[in-house]
Amino acid sequence: FVQYKIISSMKNILSALFMILIVIGFSKSEAQNTCLDSTFGIAGISIYSFGSDTITAKSIDIQNDGKITVGGYIKDSINTDFLLVRFHSNGNIDSSFGASGIVRTDYYNGSIDKAFKLIIQPDGKFLLAGTTENFGIRQLLVIRYNTNGMVDSSFGANGTLLLGNNLYFEDMTIFLNGNILLNGCNFSSTWPMI
């Protein structure tokens, strides 16, 4: 069987204002029949609640050991921050990662930080990229995390790389030699930037 992991987020379940992250495990047989993977989570579904905070899952990557990491952002009544959540391959939250399986990073106090792309490097470190907006200025932001979820202070300026002004994040990739390629666009023009 080939394993498929699908990520989704839901809001306002049962008229209660809270946010959950749902990871669903599917198995696909050679006959192309797709069904829930009953060995993943509870009957193929893993749910994690974030209380009243709103999350947006934007990217997912799977480590060599099968652990599943989800990247995106989390919003409460004050801040919007980068978010990483890591699950074991069986769908249970990995409590050894960050703070009980969750890493939340606020770049500037009160800034709007939205991560859109997660890449796990060959050495197991995590690159999370997106935008940060503070006082109306939007910039590309890349943060690198160690395998335990702590910010890697050896990367860029204390673990972060901040680029440009008035930019939207589009995509990120990493070359075999470790170089990072970012794609963004300036929202005051239609020209793409690499």
Protein backbone atom coordinates (compact mmCIF):
# COMPACT_ATOMS: atom_id res chain seq x y z
CA PHE A 1 0.00 0.00 0.00
CA VAL A 2 1.07 3.57 -0.68
CA GLN A 3 0.27 6.01 2.12
CA TYR A 4 -1.34 9.37 1.36
CA LYS A 5 -1.64 12.13 3.94
CA ILE A 6 -4.11 14.94 3.26
CA ILE A 7 -4.26 18.11 5.32
CA SER A 8 -7.29 20.27 5.90
CA SER A 9 -8.50 22.80 8.43
CA MET A 10 -12.01 23.48 9.70
CA LYS A 11 -13.66 26.31 11.63
CA ASN A 12 -16.87 26.69 13.62
CA ILE A 13 -17.48 23.00 14.25
CA LEU A 14 -20.82 22.38 16.01
CA SER A 15 -21.36 26.15 16.26
CA ALA A 16 -18.43 26.47 18.67
CA LEU A 17 -15.75 29.00 17.78
CA PHE A 18 -12.53 27.01 17.76
CA MET A 19 -10.01 25.70 15.27
CA ILE A 20 -8.82 22.18 14.62
CA LEU A 21 -6.20 20.71 12.35
CA ILE A 22 -7.28 17.50 10.66
CA VAL A 23 -4.78 15.11 9.14
CA ILE A 24 -6.33 12.21 7.26
CA GLY A 25 -4.43 9.06 6.29
CA PHE A 26 -5.47 7.27 3.13
CA SER A 27 -4.22 4.04 1.66
CA LYS A 28 -4.42 3.33 -2.05
CA SER A 29 -4.38 -0.21 -3.35
CA GLU A 30 -3.12 -1.37 -6.70
CA ALA A 31 -6.74 -1.61 -7.81
CA GLN A 32 -7.00 2.19 -7.34
CA ASN A 33 -9.51 1.87 -4.49
CA THR A 34 -8.88 4.61 -1.95
CA CYS A 35 -9.93 4.22 1.66
CA LEU A 36 -9.06 5.65 5.06
CA ASP A 37 -5.89 4.19 6.57
CA SER A 38 -7.21 2.71 9.82
CA THR A 39 -3.66 2.58 11.30
CA PHE A 40 -3.41 6.38 11.14
CA GLY A 41 -4.84 8.42 14.04
CA ILE A 42 -8.30 7.17 15.04
CA ALA A 43 -9.90 5.32 12.13
CA GLY A 44 -7.71 7.22 9.65
CA ILE A 45 -8.16 10.75 11.07
CA SER A 46 -5.95 12.77 13.42
CA ILE A 47 -7.45 15.92 14.95
CA TYR A 48 -5.67 18.60 16.96
CA SER A 49 -7.57 21.53 18.52
CA PHE A 50 -6.16 25.06 18.79
CA GLY A 51 -8.93 26.42 21.00
CA SER A 52 -10.17 29.80 19.81
CA ASP A 53 -7.11 30.50 17.62
CA THR A 54 -7.56 30.27 13.86
CA ILE A 55 -5.02 28.26 11.89
CA THR A 56 -4.32 28.06 8.19
CA ALA A 57 -2.35 25.01 7.04
CA LYS A 58 -0.50 25.88 3.83
CA SER A 59 2.25 23.27 3.39
CA ILE A 60 3.09 19.75 4.46
CA ASP A 61 6.29 17.70 4.30
CA ILE A 62 7.22 14.23 5.47
CA GLN A 63 10.55 13.45 7.12
CA ASN A 64 12.66 10.41 6.26
CA ASP A 65 11.46 8.73 9.49
CA GLY A 66 7.81 9.22 8.45
CA LYS A 67 7.02 12.12 10.79
CA ILE A 68 4.60 14.63 9.25
CA THR A 69 5.19 18.37 9.63
CA VAL A 70 2.57 20.95 8.73
CA GLY A 71 3.47 24.60 8.10
CA GLY A 72 1.21 27.63 8.01
CA TYR A 73 0.11 30.37 10.35
CA ILE A 74 -1.96 30.90 13.47
CA LYS A 75 -4.05 33.95 14.37
CA ASP A 76 -5.33 34.96 17.77
CA SER A 77 -7.02 38.21 18.79
CA ILE A 78 -3.68 40.10 18.65
CA ASN A 79 -1.06 38.32 16.51
CA THR A 80 -0.67 36.30 13.33
CA ASP A 81 2.42 34.07 13.59
CA PHE A 82 4.33 31.39 11.67
CA LEU A 83 3.25 27.89 12.75
CA LEU A 84 4.78 24.41 12.61
CA VAL A 85 3.00 21.31 13.92
CA ARG A 86 4.61 17.85 13.85
CA PHE A 87 2.89 14.47 13.99
CA HIS A 88 4.28 10.96 14.28
CA SER A 89 3.69 8.72 11.26
CA ASN A 90 0.74 7.16 13.14
CA GLY A 91 -1.04 10.53 13.37
CA ASN A 92 -0.29 11.31 17.03
CA ILE A 93 1.13 14.73 17.86
CA ASP A 94 4.93 14.64 18.40
CA SER A 95 5.26 16.20 21.86
CA SER A 96 9.09 16.17 21.62
CA PHE A 97 8.92 18.87 18.94
CA GLY A 98 8.76 22.53 20.02
CA ALA A 99 6.23 23.06 22.82
CA SER A 100 4.16 19.84 22.89
CA GLY A 101 4.38 19.41 19.11
CA ILE A 102 3.82 23.06 18.17
CA VAL A 103 6.18 25.88 17.18
CA ARG A 104 4.76 29.40 16.95
CA THR A 105 7.04 32.27 15.84
CA ASP A 106 6.22 35.98 16.00
CA TYR A 107 8.86 37.83 13.94
CA TYR A 108 7.96 41.36 15.05
CA ASN A 109 5.79 41.99 18.09
CA GLY A 110 2.33 42.57 16.64
CA SER A 111 3.34 41.90 13.03
CA ILE A 112 1.30 39.81 10.59
CA ASP A 113 3.50 36.78 9.84
CA LYS A 114 2.10 34.26 7.35
CA ALA A 115 4.03 31.15 6.29
CA PHE A 116 3.10 29.54 2.97
CA LYS A 117 5.86 26.99 2.24
CA LEU A 118 7.64 24.37 4.33
CA ILE A 119 10.69 22.41 3.18
CA ILE A 120 12.55 19.84 5.25
CA GLN A 121 16.25 20.01 4.35
CA PRO A 122 18.33 16.82 3.90
CA ASP A 123 19.87 17.44 7.38
CA GLY A 124 16.37 17.44 8.92
CA LYS A 125 16.18 21.18 9.53
CA PHE A 126 12.99 23.03 8.58
CA LEU A 127 12.73 26.05 6.28
CA LEU A 128 9.47 27.97 6.66
CA ALA A 129 8.88 30.85 4.25
CA GLY A 130 6.23 33.49 3.75
CA THR A 131 5.68 37.16 4.47
CA THR A 132 5.81 39.49 7.42
CA GLU A 133 3.94 42.78 7.51
CA ASN A 134 4.71 45.49 10.02
CA PHE A 135 3.54 49.12 9.83
CA GLY A 136 2.21 48.49 6.32
CA ILE A 137 5.51 47.16 4.93
CA ARG A 138 5.38 43.58 3.63
CA GLN A 139 8.64 41.62 3.28
CA LEU A 140 9.64 38.05 2.41
CA LEU A 141 10.58 36.09 5.52
CA VAL A 142 12.39 32.75 5.81
CA ILE A 143 13.00 31.14 9.20
CA ARG A 144 15.07 27.99 9.70
CA TYR A 145 14.39 25.66 12.60
CA ASN A 146 16.52 22.90 14.08
CA THR A 147 15.18 19.34 14.18
CA ASN A 148 13.73 19.96 17.67
CA GLY A 149 11.74 23.02 16.53
CA MET A 150 14.04 25.70 17.96
CA VAL A 151 15.04 28.57 15.65
CA ASP A 152 18.46 27.85 14.09
CA SER A 153 20.48 30.94 15.05
CA SER A 154 23.28 29.96 12.60
CA PHE A 155 20.99 30.77 9.65
CA GLY A 156 20.84 34.37 8.35
CA ALA A 157 20.40 36.90 11.15
CA ASN A 158 19.60 34.85 14.27
CA GLY A 159 17.72 32.22 12.26
CA THR A 160 15.87 34.53 9.88
CA LEU A 161 16.25 35.94 6.40
CA LEU A 162 14.28 39.09 5.59
CA LEU A 163 14.11 40.43 2.02
CA GLY A 164 12.72 43.41 0.13
CA ASN A 165 9.85 45.79 0.66
CA ASN A 166 6.25 45.48 -0.50
CA LEU A 167 6.68 41.86 -1.61
CA TYR A 168 4.30 38.92 -1.76
CA PHE A 169 5.68 35.42 -1.25
CA GLU A 170 5.04 33.01 -4.14
CA ASP A 171 7.27 29.93 -3.73
CA MET A 172 10.53 28.51 -2.40
CA THR A 173 12.76 25.63 -3.39
CA ILE A 174 16.15 24.37 -2.26
CA PHE A 175 18.98 23.19 -4.50
CA LEU A 176 21.06 20.08 -3.83
CA ASN A 177 23.97 22.32 -2.75
CA GLY A 178 21.75 23.93 -0.08
CA ASN A 179 21.12 27.22 -1.86
CA ILE A 180 17.58 28.59 -1.44
CA LEU A 181 15.56 30.04 -4.31
CA LEU A 182 12.68 32.35 -3.39
CA ASN A 183 10.00 33.58 -5.76
CA GLY A 184 7.95 36.65 -4.93
CA CYS A 185 6.27 39.58 -6.56
CA ASN A 186 6.09 43.27 -5.85
CA PHE A 187 2.45 44.18 -5.29
CA SER A 188 3.00 47.64 -6.79
CA SER A 189 3.85 46.11 -10.18
CA THR A 190 3.18 42.94 -12.14
CA TRP A 191 6.82 41.91 -12.41
CA PRO A 192 7.81 38.64 -10.70
CA MET A 193 10.94 38.62 -8.59
CA ILE A 194 13.36 35.73 -8.00
